[in-house]
Amino acid sequence: AGSTYSNDYNFLFRPVPTSRQTDATKHIPSLLSVEPPTIVVASSRDLVLARTRDIDDAIAHARTAGMPGKALQIALRDTRMVRRHNLNRLIDDYLCALLRLQKHSMDNTDF
């Protein structure tokens, strides 16, 4: 047996054990129910707990703040990392916002 820190990469090929799900939880995506990891930063006087965030959290923040352009811009930086959001939906939200702006500016112009 090797040490704990050896180059044993066989874990990559082992099947991932699945958890038992009840009928109520079968329809909930597993990615949404997982808490993000918590990082502990400690010094001699203080202890800080911080949750890590990812690109999906930044997109969700931009959408709730009413910034569909910013949400789309964030998603387009690295589309492979976007997991909880649909890129087509983000594009649709952005185009709808542009059409609302165009309509609003046309309503305010005097001919």
PDB file of N, CA and C in Angstrom:
ATOM      1  N   ALA A   1       0.837  -1.179   0.000  1.00  0.00           N
ATOM      2  CA  ALA A   1       0.000   0.000   0.000  1.00  0.00           C
ATOM      3  C   ALA A   1       0.877   1.235   0.000  1.00  0.00           C
ATOM      4  N   GLY A   2       0.484   2.210  -0.803  1.00  0.00           N
ATOM      5  CA  GLY A   2       1.232   3.458  -0.900  1.00  0.00           C
ATOM      6  C   GLY A   2       0.799   4.439   0.169  1.00  0.00           C
ATOM      7  N   SER A   3       1.485   5.531   0.211  1.00  0.00           N
ATOM      8  CA  SER A   3       1.128   6.554   1.186  1.00  0.00           C
ATOM      9  C   SER A   3      -0.146   7.272   0.732  1.00  0.00           C
ATOM     10  N   THR A   4      -0.700   8.055   1.611  1.00  0.00           N
ATOM     11  CA  THR A   4      -1.914   8.797   1.301  1.00  0.00           C
ATOM     12  C   THR A   4      -1.678   9.815   0.203  1.00  0.00           C
ATOM     13  N   TYR A   5      -0.455  10.305   0.119  1.00  0.00           N
ATOM     14  CA  TYR A   5      -0.129  11.357  -0.834  1.00  0.00           C
ATOM     15  C   TYR A   5       0.543  10.824  -2.102  1.00  0.00           C
ATOM     16  N   SER A   6       0.419   9.519  -2.366  1.00  0.00           N
ATOM     17  CA  SER A   6       1.048   8.950  -3.557  1.00  0.00           C
ATOM     18  C   SER A   6       0.263   9.345  -4.805  1.00  0.00           C
ATOM     19  N   ASN A   7       0.804   9.008  -5.936  1.00  0.00           N
ATOM     20  CA  ASN A   7       0.174   9.338  -7.209  1.00  0.00           C
ATOM     21  C   ASN A   7      -0.812   8.258  -7.624  1.00  0.00           C
ATOM     22  N   ASP A   8      -1.745   7.943  -6.767  1.00  0.00           N
ATOM     23  CA  ASP A   8      -2.756   6.929  -7.053  1.00  0.00           C
ATOM     24  C   ASP A   8      -3.948   7.621  -7.694  1.00  0.00           C
ATOM     25  N   TYR A   9      -4.052   7.513  -8.998  1.00  0.00           N
ATOM     26  CA  TYR A   9      -5.139   8.158  -9.722  1.00  0.00           C
ATOM     27  C   TYR A   9      -6.235   7.178 -10.113  1.00  0.00           C
ATOM     28  N   ASN A  10      -6.256   6.012  -9.501  1.00  0.00           N
ATOM     29  CA  ASN A  10      -7.292   5.021  -9.809  1.00  0.00           C
ATOM     30  C   ASN A  10      -8.679   5.488  -9.386  1.00  0.00           C
ATOM     31  N   PHE A  11      -8.732   6.448  -8.454  1.00  0.00           N
ATOM     32  CA  PHE A  11     -10.035   6.943  -8.017  1.00  0.00           C
ATOM     33  C   PHE A  11     -10.819   7.548  -9.173  1.00  0.00           C
ATOM     34  N   LEU A  12     -10.126   7.976 -10.224  1.00  0.00           N
ATOM     35  CA  LEU A  12     -10.808   8.552 -11.382  1.00  0.00           C
ATOM     36  C   LEU A  12     -11.689   7.532 -12.088  1.00  0.00           C
ATOM     37  N   PHE A  13     -11.324   6.262 -11.983  1.00  0.00           N
ATOM     38  CA  PHE A  13     -12.039   5.233 -12.725  1.00  0.00           C
ATOM     39  C   PHE A  13     -13.025   4.453 -11.869  1.00  0.00           C
ATOM     40  N   ARG A  14     -13.074   4.766 -10.589  1.00  0.00           N
ATOM     41  CA  ARG A  14     -14.029   4.097  -9.705  1.00  0.00           C
ATOM     42  C   ARG A  14     -15.417   4.699  -9.906  1.00  0.00           C
ATOM     43  N   PRO A  15     -16.455   3.867  -9.855  1.00  0.00           N
ATOM     44  CA  PRO A  15     -17.810   4.434  -9.993  1.00  0.00           C
ATOM     45  C   PRO A  15     -18.155   5.309  -8.800  1.00  0.00           C
ATOM     46  N   VAL A  16     -18.867   6.381  -9.083  1.00  0.00           N
ATOM     47  CA  VAL A  16     -19.286   7.305  -8.044  1.00  0.00           C
ATOM     48  C   VAL A  16     -20.528   6.731  -7.373  1.00  0.00           C
ATOM     49  N   PRO A  17     -20.500   6.564  -6.054  1.00  0.00           N
ATOM     50  CA  PRO A  17     -21.695   6.038  -5.385  1.00  0.00           C
ATOM     51  C   PRO A  17     -22.831   7.053  -5.452  1.00  0.00           C
ATOM     52  N   THR A  18     -24.011   6.562  -5.746  1.00  0.00           N
ATOM     53  CA  THR A  18     -25.174   7.440  -5.802  1.00  0.00           C
ATOM     54  C   THR A  18     -25.913   7.381  -4.482  1.00  0.00           C
ATOM     55  N   SER A  19     -26.485   8.499  -4.112  1.00  0.00           N
ATOM     56  CA  SER A  19     -27.242   8.537  -2.870  1.00  0.00           C
ATOM     57  C   SER A  19     -28.678   8.122  -3.139  1.00  0.00           C
ATOM     58  N   ARG A  20     -29.310   7.610  -2.124  1.00  0.00           N
ATOM     59  CA  ARG A  20     -30.719   7.242  -2.261  1.00  0.00           C
ATOM     60  C   ARG A  20     -31.565   8.494  -2.268  1.00  0.00           C
ATOM     61  N   GLN A  21     -32.485   8.545  -3.194  1.00  0.00           N
ATOM     62  CA  GLN A  21     -33.372   9.697  -3.277  1.00  0.00           C
ATOM     63  C   GLN A  21     -34.802   9.236  -3.062  1.00  0.00           C
ATOM     64  N   THR A  22     -35.550  10.052  -2.346  1.00  0.00           N
ATOM     65  CA  THR A  22     -36.960   9.762  -2.171  1.00  0.00           C
ATOM     66  C   THR A  22     -37.720  10.300  -3.371  1.00  0.00           C
ATOM     67  N   ASP A  23     -38.991   9.976  -3.470  1.00  0.00           N
ATOM     68  CA  ASP A  23     -39.798  10.469  -4.585  1.00  0.00           C
ATOM     69  C   ASP A  23     -39.871  11.989  -4.604  1.00  0.00           C
ATOM     70  N   ALA A  24     -39.830  12.606  -3.440  1.00  0.00           N
ATOM     71  CA  ALA A  24     -39.929  14.069  -3.373  1.00  0.00           C
ATOM     72  C   ALA A  24     -38.660  14.746  -3.876  1.00  0.00           C
ATOM     73  N   THR A  25     -37.507  14.103  -3.731  1.00  0.00           N
ATOM     74  CA  THR A  25     -36.259  14.745  -4.132  1.00  0.00           C
ATOM     75  C   THR A  25     -35.747  14.300  -5.489  1.00  0.00           C
ATOM     76  N   LYS A  26     -36.417  13.404  -6.163  1.00  0.00           N
ATOM     77  CA  LYS A  26     -35.944  12.940  -7.467  1.00  0.00           C
ATOM     78  C   LYS A  26     -35.961  14.039  -8.515  1.00  0.00           C
ATOM     79  N   HIS A  27     -36.874  14.981  -8.398  1.00  0.00           N
ATOM     80  CA  HIS A  27     -37.038  16.013  -9.411  1.00  0.00           C
ATOM     81  C   HIS A  27     -36.195  17.252  -9.145  1.00  0.00           C
ATOM     82  N   ILE A  28     -35.482  17.292  -8.020  1.00  0.00           N
ATOM     83  CA  ILE A  28     -34.647  18.441  -7.689  1.00  0.00           C
ATOM     84  C   ILE A  28     -33.245  18.184  -8.236  1.00  0.00           C
ATOM     85  N   PRO A  29     -32.723  19.077  -9.065  1.00  0.00           N
ATOM     86  CA  PRO A  29     -31.363  18.875  -9.572  1.00  0.00           C
ATOM     87  C   PRO A  29     -30.356  18.863  -8.438  1.00  0.00           C
ATOM     88  N   SER A  30     -29.410  17.949  -8.507  1.00  0.00           N
ATOM     89  CA  SER A  30     -28.457  17.794  -7.407  1.00  0.00           C
ATOM     90  C   SER A  30     -27.529  18.988  -7.283  1.00  0.00           C
ATOM     91  N   LEU A  31     -27.244  19.695  -8.376  1.00  0.00           N
ATOM     92  CA  LEU A  31     -26.337  20.838  -8.297  1.00  0.00           C
ATOM     93  C   LEU A  31     -26.922  21.985  -7.484  1.00  0.00           C
ATOM     94  N   LEU A  32     -28.235  22.121  -7.487  1.00  0.00           N
ATOM     95  CA  LEU A  32     -28.847  23.231  -6.770  1.00  0.00           C
ATOM     96  C   LEU A  32     -28.932  22.975  -5.272  1.00  0.00           C
ATOM     97  N   SER A  33     -28.904  21.714  -4.863  1.00  0.00           N
ATOM     98  CA  SER A  33     -29.064  21.413  -3.455  1.00  0.00           C
ATOM     99  C   SER A  33     -27.729  21.357  -2.707  1.00  0.00           C
ATOM    100  N   VAL A  34     -26.622  21.457  -3.406  1.00  0.00           N
ATOM    101  CA  VAL A  34     -25.312  21.374  -2.779  1.00  0.00           C
ATOM    102  C   VAL A  34     -24.875  22.768  -2.335  1.00  0.00           C
ATOM    103  N   GLU A  35     -24.432  22.849  -1.095  1.00  0.00           N
ATOM    104  CA  GLU A  35     -23.918  24.114  -0.573  1.00  0.00           C
ATOM    105  C   GLU A  35     -22.524  24.353  -1.135  1.00  0.00           C
ATOM    106  N   PRO A  36     -22.186  25.602  -1.452  1.00  0.00           N
ATOM    107  CA  PRO A  36     -20.819  25.865  -1.909  1.00  0.00           C
ATOM    108  C   PRO A  36     -19.828  25.647  -0.766  1.00  0.00           C
ATOM    109  N   PRO A  37     -18.585  25.312  -1.089  1.00  0.00           N
ATOM    110  CA  PRO A  37     -17.598  25.081  -0.027  1.00  0.00           C
ATOM    111  C   PRO A  37     -17.344  26.340   0.800  1.00  0.00           C
ATOM    112  N   THR A  38     -17.033  26.140   2.056  1.00  0.00           N
ATOM    113  CA  THR A  38     -16.726  27.242   2.954  1.00  0.00           C
ATOM    114  C   THR A  38     -15.224  27.239   3.231  1.00  0.00           C
ATOM    115  N   ILE A  39     -14.628  28.405   3.113  1.00  0.00           N
ATOM    116  CA  ILE A  39     -13.203  28.565   3.362  1.00  0.00           C
ATOM    117  C   ILE A  39     -13.034  29.230   4.722  1.00  0.00           C
ATOM    118  N   VAL A  40     -12.094  28.749   5.505  1.00  0.00           N
ATOM    119  CA  VAL A  40     -11.803  29.333   6.810  1.00  0.00           C
ATOM    120  C   VAL A  40     -10.456  30.043   6.707  1.00  0.00           C
ATOM    121  N   VAL A  41     -10.459  31.337   6.991  1.00  0.00           N
ATOM    122  CA  VAL A  41      -9.233  32.135   7.014  1.00  0.00           C
ATOM    123  C   VAL A  41      -8.985  32.512   8.465  1.00  0.00           C
ATOM    124  N   ALA A  42      -7.841  32.087   8.983  1.00  0.00           N
ATOM    125  CA  ALA A  42      -7.558  32.308  10.403  1.00  0.00           C
ATOM    126  C   ALA A  42      -6.278  33.109  10.576  1.00  0.00           C
ATOM    127  N   SER A  43      -6.305  33.982  11.557  1.00  0.00           N
ATOM    128  CA  SER A  43      -5.098  34.701  11.970  1.00  0.00           C
ATOM    129  C   SER A  43      -4.990  34.551  13.482  1.00  0.00           C
ATOM    130  N   SER A  44      -4.038  35.227  14.078  1.00  0.00           N
ATOM    131  CA  SER A  44      -3.876  35.108  15.525  1.00  0.00           C
ATOM    132  C   SER A  44      -5.031  35.736  16.298  1.00  0.00           C
ATOM    133  N   ARG A  45      -5.760  36.662  15.671  1.00  0.00           N
ATOM    134  CA  ARG A  45      -6.856  37.349  16.361  1.00  0.00           C
ATOM    135  C   ARG A  45      -8.236  37.076  15.787  1.00  0.00           C
ATOM    136  N   ASP A  46      -8.300  36.766  14.499  1.00  0.00           N
ATOM    137  CA  ASP A  46      -9.597  36.677  13.838  1.00  0.00           C
ATOM    138  C   ASP A  46      -9.778  35.333  13.157  1.00  0.00           C
ATOM    139  N   LEU A  47     -11.036  35.032  12.930  1.00  0.00           N
ATOM    140  CA  LEU A  47     -11.425  33.848  12.183  1.00  0.00           C
ATOM    141  C   LEU A  47     -12.536  34.268  11.227  1.00  0.00           C
ATOM    142  N   VAL A  48     -12.338  34.059   9.940  1.00  0.00           N
ATOM    143  CA  VAL A  48     -13.307  34.486   8.930  1.00  0.00           C
ATOM    144  C   VAL A  48     -13.782  33.271   8.152  1.00  0.00           C
ATOM    145  N   LEU A  49     -15.088  33.137   8.021  1.00  0.00           N
ATOM    146  CA  LEU A  49     -15.671  32.084   7.187  1.00  0.00           C
ATOM    147  C   LEU A  49     -16.178  32.729   5.903  1.00  0.00           C
ATOM    148  N   ALA A  50     -15.814  32.156   4.769  1.00  0.00           N
ATOM    149  CA  ALA A  50     -16.228  32.716   3.479  1.00  0.00           C
ATOM    150  C   ALA A  50     -16.709  31.590   2.587  1.00  0.00           C
ATOM    151  N   ARG A  51     -17.807  31.833   1.896  1.00  0.00           N
ATOM    152  CA  ARG A  51     -18.303  30.859   0.925  1.00  0.00           C
ATOM    153  C   ARG A  51     -17.765  31.200  -0.452  1.00  0.00           C
ATOM    154  N   THR A  52     -17.333  30.188  -1.147  1.00  0.00           N
ATOM    155  CA  THR A  52     -16.847  30.416  -2.504  1.00  0.00           C
ATOM    156  C   THR A  52     -18.026  30.620  -3.441  1.00  0.00           C
ATOM    157  N   ARG A  53     -17.814  31.386  -4.468  1.00  0.00           N
ATOM    158  CA  ARG A  53     -18.845  31.659  -5.459  1.00  0.00           C
ATOM    159  C   ARG A  53     -18.299  31.322  -6.830  1.00  0.00           C
ATOM    160  N   ASP A  54     -19.206  31.118  -7.764  1.00  0.00           N
ATOM    161  CA  ASP A  54     -18.778  30.781  -9.113  1.00  0.00           C
ATOM    162  C   ASP A  54     -19.486  31.677 -10.118  1.00  0.00           C
ATOM    163  N   ILE A  55     -19.315  31.372 -11.376  1.00  0.00           N
ATOM    164  CA  ILE A  55     -19.870  32.199 -12.447  1.00  0.00           C
ATOM    165  C   ILE A  55     -21.402  32.218 -12.399  1.00  0.00           C
ATOM    166  N   ASP A  56     -22.009  31.110 -11.975  1.00  0.00           N
ATOM    167  CA  ASP A  56     -23.469  31.064 -11.887  1.00  0.00           C
ATOM    168  C   ASP A  56     -24.005  32.037 -10.839  1.00  0.00           C
ATOM    169  N   ASP A  57     -23.272  32.195  -9.749  1.00  0.00           N
ATOM    170  CA  ASP A  57     -23.683  33.158  -8.722  1.00  0.00           C
ATOM    171  C   ASP A  57     -23.596  34.590  -9.246  1.00  0.00           C
ATOM    172  N   ALA A  58     -22.552  34.885 -10.026  1.00  0.00           N
ATOM    173  CA  ALA A  58     -22.415  36.227 -10.604  1.00  0.00           C
ATOM    174  C   ALA A  58     -23.539  36.499 -11.608  1.00  0.00           C
ATOM    175  N   ILE A  59     -23.901  35.502 -12.396  1.00  0.00           N
ATOM    176  CA  ILE A  59     -24.994  35.661 -13.360  1.00  0.00           C
ATOM    177  C   ILE A  59     -26.314  35.868 -12.627  1.00  0.00           C
ATOM    178  N   ALA A  60     -26.561  35.081 -11.594  1.00  0.00           N
ATOM    179  CA  ALA A  60     -27.800  35.216 -10.820  1.00  0.00           C
ATOM    180  C   ALA A  60     -27.887  36.597 -10.174  1.00  0.00           C
ATOM    181  N   HIS A  61     -26.769  37.104  -9.673  1.00  0.00           N
ATOM    182  CA  HIS A  61     -26.762  38.434  -9.065  1.00  0.00           C
ATOM    183  C   HIS A  61     -27.098  39.508 -10.109  1.00  0.00           C
ATOM    184  N   ALA A  62     -26.500  39.404 -11.284  1.00  0.00           N
ATOM    185  CA  ALA A  62     -26.773  40.391 -12.336  1.00  0.00           C
ATOM    186  C   ALA A  62     -28.229  40.329 -12.781  1.00  0.00           C
ATOM    187  N   ARG A  63     -28.791  39.145 -12.869  1.00  0.00           N
ATOM    188  CA  ARG A  63     -30.202  39.012 -13.290  1.00  0.00           C
ATOM    189  C   ARG A  63     -31.143  39.596 -12.243  1.00  0.00           C
ATOM    190  N   THR A  64     -30.873  39.324 -10.966  1.00  0.00           N
ATOM    191  CA  THR A  64     -31.762  39.863  -9.929  1.00  0.00           C
ATOM    192  C   THR A  64     -31.622  41.371  -9.798  1.00  0.00           C
ATOM    193  N   ALA A  65     -30.464  41.903 -10.187  1.00  0.00           N
ATOM    194  CA  ALA A  65     -30.257  43.353 -10.157  1.00  0.00           C
ATOM    195  C   ALA A  65     -30.832  44.038 -11.394  1.00  0.00           C
ATOM    196  N   GLY A  66     -31.424  43.267 -12.300  1.00  0.00           N
ATOM    197  CA  GLY A  66     -32.032  43.850 -13.498  1.00  0.00           C
ATOM    198  C   GLY A  66     -31.016  44.264 -14.545  1.00  0.00           C
ATOM    199  N   MET A  67     -29.905  43.532 -14.624  1.00  0.00           N
ATOM    200  CA  MET A  67     -28.861  43.843 -15.599  1.00  0.00           C
ATOM    201  C   MET A  67     -28.652  42.659 -16.545  1.00  0.00           C
ATOM    202  N   PRO A  68     -29.582  42.463 -17.492  1.00  0.00           N
ATOM    203  CA  PRO A  68     -29.451  41.301 -18.379  1.00  0.00           C
ATOM    204  C   PRO A  68     -28.224  41.368 -19.278  1.00  0.00           C
ATOM    205  N   GLY A  69     -27.773  42.558 -19.630  1.00  0.00           N
ATOM    206  CA  GLY A  69     -26.568  42.698 -20.441  1.00  0.00           C
ATOM    207  C   GLY A  69     -25.331  42.239 -19.690  1.00  0.00           C
ATOM    208  N   LYS A  70     -25.245  42.601 -18.422  1.00  0.00           N
ATOM    209  CA  LYS A  70     -24.122  42.183 -17.590  1.00  0.00           C
ATOM    210  C   LYS A  70     -24.153  40.669 -17.383  1.00  0.00           C
ATOM    211  N   ALA A  71     -25.348  40.110 -17.179  1.00  0.00           N
ATOM    212  CA  ALA A  71     -25.476  38.659 -17.005  1.00  0.00           C
ATOM    213  C   ALA A  71     -24.991  37.923 -18.256  1.00  0.00           C
ATOM    214  N   LEU A  72     -25.373  38.411 -19.423  1.00  0.00           N
ATOM    215  CA  LEU A  72     -24.935  37.790 -20.671  1.00  0.00           C
ATOM    216  C   LEU A  72     -23.430  37.959 -20.864  1.00  0.00           C
ATOM    217  N   GLN A  73     -22.902  39.122 -20.535  1.00  0.00           N
ATOM    218  CA  GLN A  73     -21.468  39.376 -20.660  1.00  0.00           C
ATOM    219  C   GLN A  73     -20.660  38.415 -19.783  1.00  0.00           C
ATOM    220  N   ILE A  74     -21.126  38.198 -18.567  1.00  0.00           N
ATOM    221  CA  ILE A  74     -20.446  37.269 -17.656  1.00  0.00           C
ATOM    222  C   ILE A  74     -20.497  35.855 -18.213  1.00  0.00           C
ATOM    223  N   ALA A  75     -21.659  35.449 -18.721  1.00  0.00           N
ATOM    224  CA  ALA A  75     -21.815  34.086 -19.246  1.00  0.00           C
ATOM    225  C   ALA A  75     -20.955  33.853 -20.480  1.00  0.00           C
ATOM    226  N   LEU A  76     -20.797  34.878 -21.304  1.00  0.00           N
ATOM    227  CA  LEU A  76     -20.030  34.706 -22.535  1.00  0.00           C
ATOM    228  C   LEU A  76     -18.523  34.665 -22.289  1.00  0.00           C
ATOM    229  N   ARG A  77     -18.077  35.091 -21.109  1.00  0.00           N
ATOM    230  CA  ARG A  77     -16.645  35.008 -20.794  1.00  0.00           C
ATOM    231  C   ARG A  77     -16.157  33.564 -20.808  1.00  0.00           C
ATOM    232  N   ASP A  78     -16.959  32.666 -20.240  1.00  0.00           N
ATOM    233  CA  ASP A  78     -16.593  31.252 -20.205  1.00  0.00           C
ATOM    234  C   ASP A  78     -17.873  30.422 -20.190  1.00  0.00           C
ATOM    235  N   THR A  79     -18.361  30.102 -21.367  1.00  0.00           N
ATOM    236  CA  THR A  79     -19.654  29.411 -21.473  1.00  0.00           C
ATOM    237  C   THR A  79     -19.605  28.001 -20.912  1.00  0.00           C
ATOM    238  N   ARG A  80     -18.438  27.391 -20.881  1.00  0.00           N
ATOM    239  CA  ARG A  80     -18.350  26.021 -20.356  1.00  0.00           C
ATOM    240  C   ARG A  80     -18.567  25.957 -18.861  1.00  0.00           C
ATOM    241  N   MET A  81     -18.332  27.045 -18.141  1.00  0.00           N
ATOM    242  CA  MET A  81     -18.489  27.048 -16.688  1.00  0.00           C
ATOM    243  C   MET A  81     -19.919  27.354 -16.249  1.00  0.00           C
ATOM    244  N   VAL A  82     -20.766  27.784 -17.176  1.00  0.00           N
ATOM    245  CA  VAL A  82     -22.163  28.101 -16.840  1.00  0.00           C
ATOM    246  C   VAL A  82     -22.924  26.794 -16.708  1.00  0.00           C
ATOM    247  N   ARG A  83     -23.471  26.538 -15.521  1.00  0.00           N
ATOM    248  CA  ARG A  83     -24.156  25.274 -15.279  1.00  0.00           C
ATOM    249  C   ARG A  83     -25.649  25.446 -14.980  1.00  0.00           C
ATOM    250  N   ARG A  84     -26.002  26.468 -14.222  1.00  0.00           N
ATOM    251  CA  ARG A  84     -27.396  26.614 -13.794  1.00  0.00           C
ATOM    252  C   ARG A  84     -28.218  27.509 -14.710  1.00  0.00           C
ATOM    253  N   HIS A  85     -27.590  28.195 -15.631  1.00  0.00           N
ATOM    254  CA  HIS A  85     -28.307  29.132 -16.482  1.00  0.00           C
ATOM    255  C   HIS A  85     -28.252  28.665 -17.930  1.00  0.00           C
ATOM    256  N   ASN A  86     -29.308  28.969 -18.652  1.00  0.00           N
ATOM    257  CA  ASN A  86     -29.396  28.619 -20.062  1.00  0.00           C
ATOM    258  C   ASN A  86     -28.934  29.822 -20.876  1.00  0.00           C
ATOM    259  N   LEU A  87     -27.950  29.618 -21.727  1.00  0.00           N
ATOM    260  CA  LEU A  87     -27.395  30.712 -22.521  1.00  0.00           C
ATOM    261  C   LEU A  87     -28.452  31.318 -23.443  1.00  0.00           C
ATOM    262  N   ASN A  88     -29.311  30.480 -24.008  1.00  0.00           N
ATOM    263  CA  ASN A  88     -30.383  30.999 -24.871  1.00  0.00           C
ATOM    264  C   ASN A  88     -31.328  31.908 -24.095  1.00  0.00           C
ATOM    265  N   ARG A  89     -31.603  31.556 -22.855  1.00  0.00           N
ATOM    266  CA  ARG A  89     -32.482  32.379 -22.015  1.00  0.00           C
ATOM    267  C   ARG A  89     -31.817  33.726 -21.695  1.00  0.00           C
ATOM    268  N   LEU A  90     -30.519  33.711 -21.441  1.00  0.00           N
ATOM    269  CA  LEU A  90     -29.804  34.958 -21.161  1.00  0.00           C
ATOM    270  C   LEU A  90     -29.794  35.877 -22.381  1.00  0.00           C
ATOM    271  N   ILE A  91     -29.625  35.296 -23.573  1.00  0.00           N
ATOM    272  CA  ILE A  91     -29.662  36.079 -24.810  1.00  0.00           C
ATOM    273  C   ILE A  91     -31.055  36.651 -25.020  1.00  0.00           C
ATOM    274  N   ASP A  92     -32.074  35.838 -24.761  1.00  0.00           N
ATOM    275  CA  ASP A  92     -33.462  36.293 -24.908  1.00  0.00           C
ATOM    276  C   ASP A  92     -33.766  37.442 -23.943  1.00  0.00           C
ATOM    277  N   ASP A  93     -33.323  37.313 -22.698  1.00  0.00           N
ATOM    278  CA  ASP A  93     -33.533  38.392 -21.718  1.00  0.00           C
ATOM    279  C   ASP A  93     -32.865  39.687 -22.178  1.00  0.00           C
ATOM    280  N   TYR A  94     -31.655  39.570 -22.715  1.00  0.00           N
ATOM    281  CA  TYR A  94     -30.922  40.747 -23.179  1.00  0.00           C
ATOM    282  C   TYR A  94     -31.625  41.408 -24.364  1.00  0.00           C
ATOM    283  N   LEU A  95     -32.056  40.599 -25.337  1.00  0.00           N
ATOM    284  CA  LEU A  95     -32.740  41.167 -26.505  1.00  0.00           C
ATOM    285  C   LEU A  95     -34.079  41.799 -26.118  1.00  0.00           C
ATOM    286  N   CYS A  96     -34.791  41.185 -25.190  1.00  0.00           N
ATOM    287  CA  CYS A  96     -36.057  41.777 -24.712  1.00  0.00           C
ATOM    288  C   CYS A  96     -35.797  43.125 -24.035  1.00  0.00           C
ATOM    289  N   ALA A  97     -34.713  43.206 -23.266  1.00  0.00           N
ATOM    290  CA  ALA A  97     -34.369  44.475 -22.613  1.00  0.00           C
ATOM    291  C   ALA A  97     -34.029  45.534 -23.655  1.00  0.00           C
ATOM    292  N   LEU A  98     -33.320  45.152 -24.714  1.00  0.00           N
ATOM    293  CA  LEU A  98     -33.000  46.102 -25.783  1.00  0.00           C
ATOM    294  C   LEU A  98     -34.262  46.586 -26.486  1.00  0.00           C
ATOM    295  N   LEU A  99     -35.190  45.679 -26.728  1.00  0.00           N
ATOM    296  CA  LEU A  99     -36.444  46.077 -27.379  1.00  0.00           C
ATOM    297  C   LEU A  99     -37.257  47.007 -26.487  1.00  0.00           C
ATOM    298  N   ARG A 100     -37.246  46.756 -25.176  1.00  0.00           N
ATOM    299  CA  ARG A 100     -37.955  47.654 -24.257  1.00  0.00           C
ATOM    300  C   ARG A 100     -37.314  49.038 -24.257  1.00  0.00           C
ATOM    301  N   LEU A 101     -35.985  49.086 -24.299  1.00  0.00           N
ATOM    302  CA  LEU A 101     -35.299  50.381 -24.350  1.00  0.00           C
ATOM    303  C   LEU A 101     -35.627  51.124 -25.636  1.00  0.00           C
ATOM    304  N   GLN A 102     -35.641  50.402 -26.745  1.00  0.00           N
ATOM    305  CA  GLN A 102     -35.954  51.010 -28.039  1.00  0.00           C
ATOM    306  C   GLN A 102     -37.384  51.545 -28.042  1.00  0.00           C
ATOM    307  N   LYS A 103     -38.324  50.774 -27.510  1.00  0.00           N
ATOM    308  CA  LYS A 103     -39.708  51.197 -27.453  1.00  0.00           C
ATOM    309  C   LYS A 103     -39.852  52.422 -26.539  1.00  0.00           C
ATOM    310  N   HIS A 104     -39.153  52.395 -25.410  1.00  0.00           N
ATOM    311  CA  HIS A 104     -39.226  53.503 -24.465  1.00  0.00           C
ATOM    312  C   HIS A 104     -38.663  54.777 -25.090  1.00  0.00           C
ATOM    313  N   SER A 105     -37.556  54.665 -25.829  1.00  0.00           N
ATOM    314  CA  SER A 105     -36.964  55.849 -26.437  1.00  0.00           C
ATOM    315  C   SER A 105     -37.841  56.369 -27.580  1.00  0.00           C
ATOM    316  N   MET A 106     -38.543  55.489 -28.287  1.00  0.00           N
ATOM    317  CA  MET A 106     -39.441  55.933 -29.359  1.00  0.00           C
ATOM    318  C   MET A 106     -40.679  56.618 -28.794  1.00  0.00           C
ATOM    319  N   ASP A 107     -41.147  56.178 -27.623  1.00  0.00           N
ATOM    320  CA  ASP A 107     -42.318  56.788 -26.988  1.00  0.00           C
ATOM    321  C   ASP A 107     -42.001  58.190 -26.488  1.00  0.00           C
ATOM    322  N   ASN A 108     -40.740  58.458 -26.148  1.00  0.00           N
ATOM    323  CA  ASN A 108     -40.359  59.748 -25.575  1.00  0.00           C
ATOM    324  C   ASN A 108     -39.899  60.762 -26.627  1.00  0.00           C
ATOM    325  N   THR A 109     -39.796  60.375 -27.870  1.00  0.00           N
ATOM    326  CA  THR A 109     -39.347  61.314 -28.901  1.00  0.00           C
ATOM    327  C   THR A 109     -40.568  62.023 -29.514  1.00  0.00           C
ATOM    328  N   ASP A 110     -40.397  63.292 -29.799  1.00  0.00           N
ATOM    329  CA  ASP A 110     -41.455  64.073 -30.457  1.00  0.00           C
ATOM    330  C   ASP A 110     -41.112  64.176 -31.933  1.00  0.00           C
ATOM    331  N   PHE A 111     -42.089  63.862 -32.766  1.00  0.00           N
ATOM    332  CA  PHE A 111     -41.881  63.975 -34.213  1.00  0.00           C
ATOM    333  C   PHE A 111     -42.549  65.197 -34.725  1.00  0.00           C
TER     334      PHE A 111
END
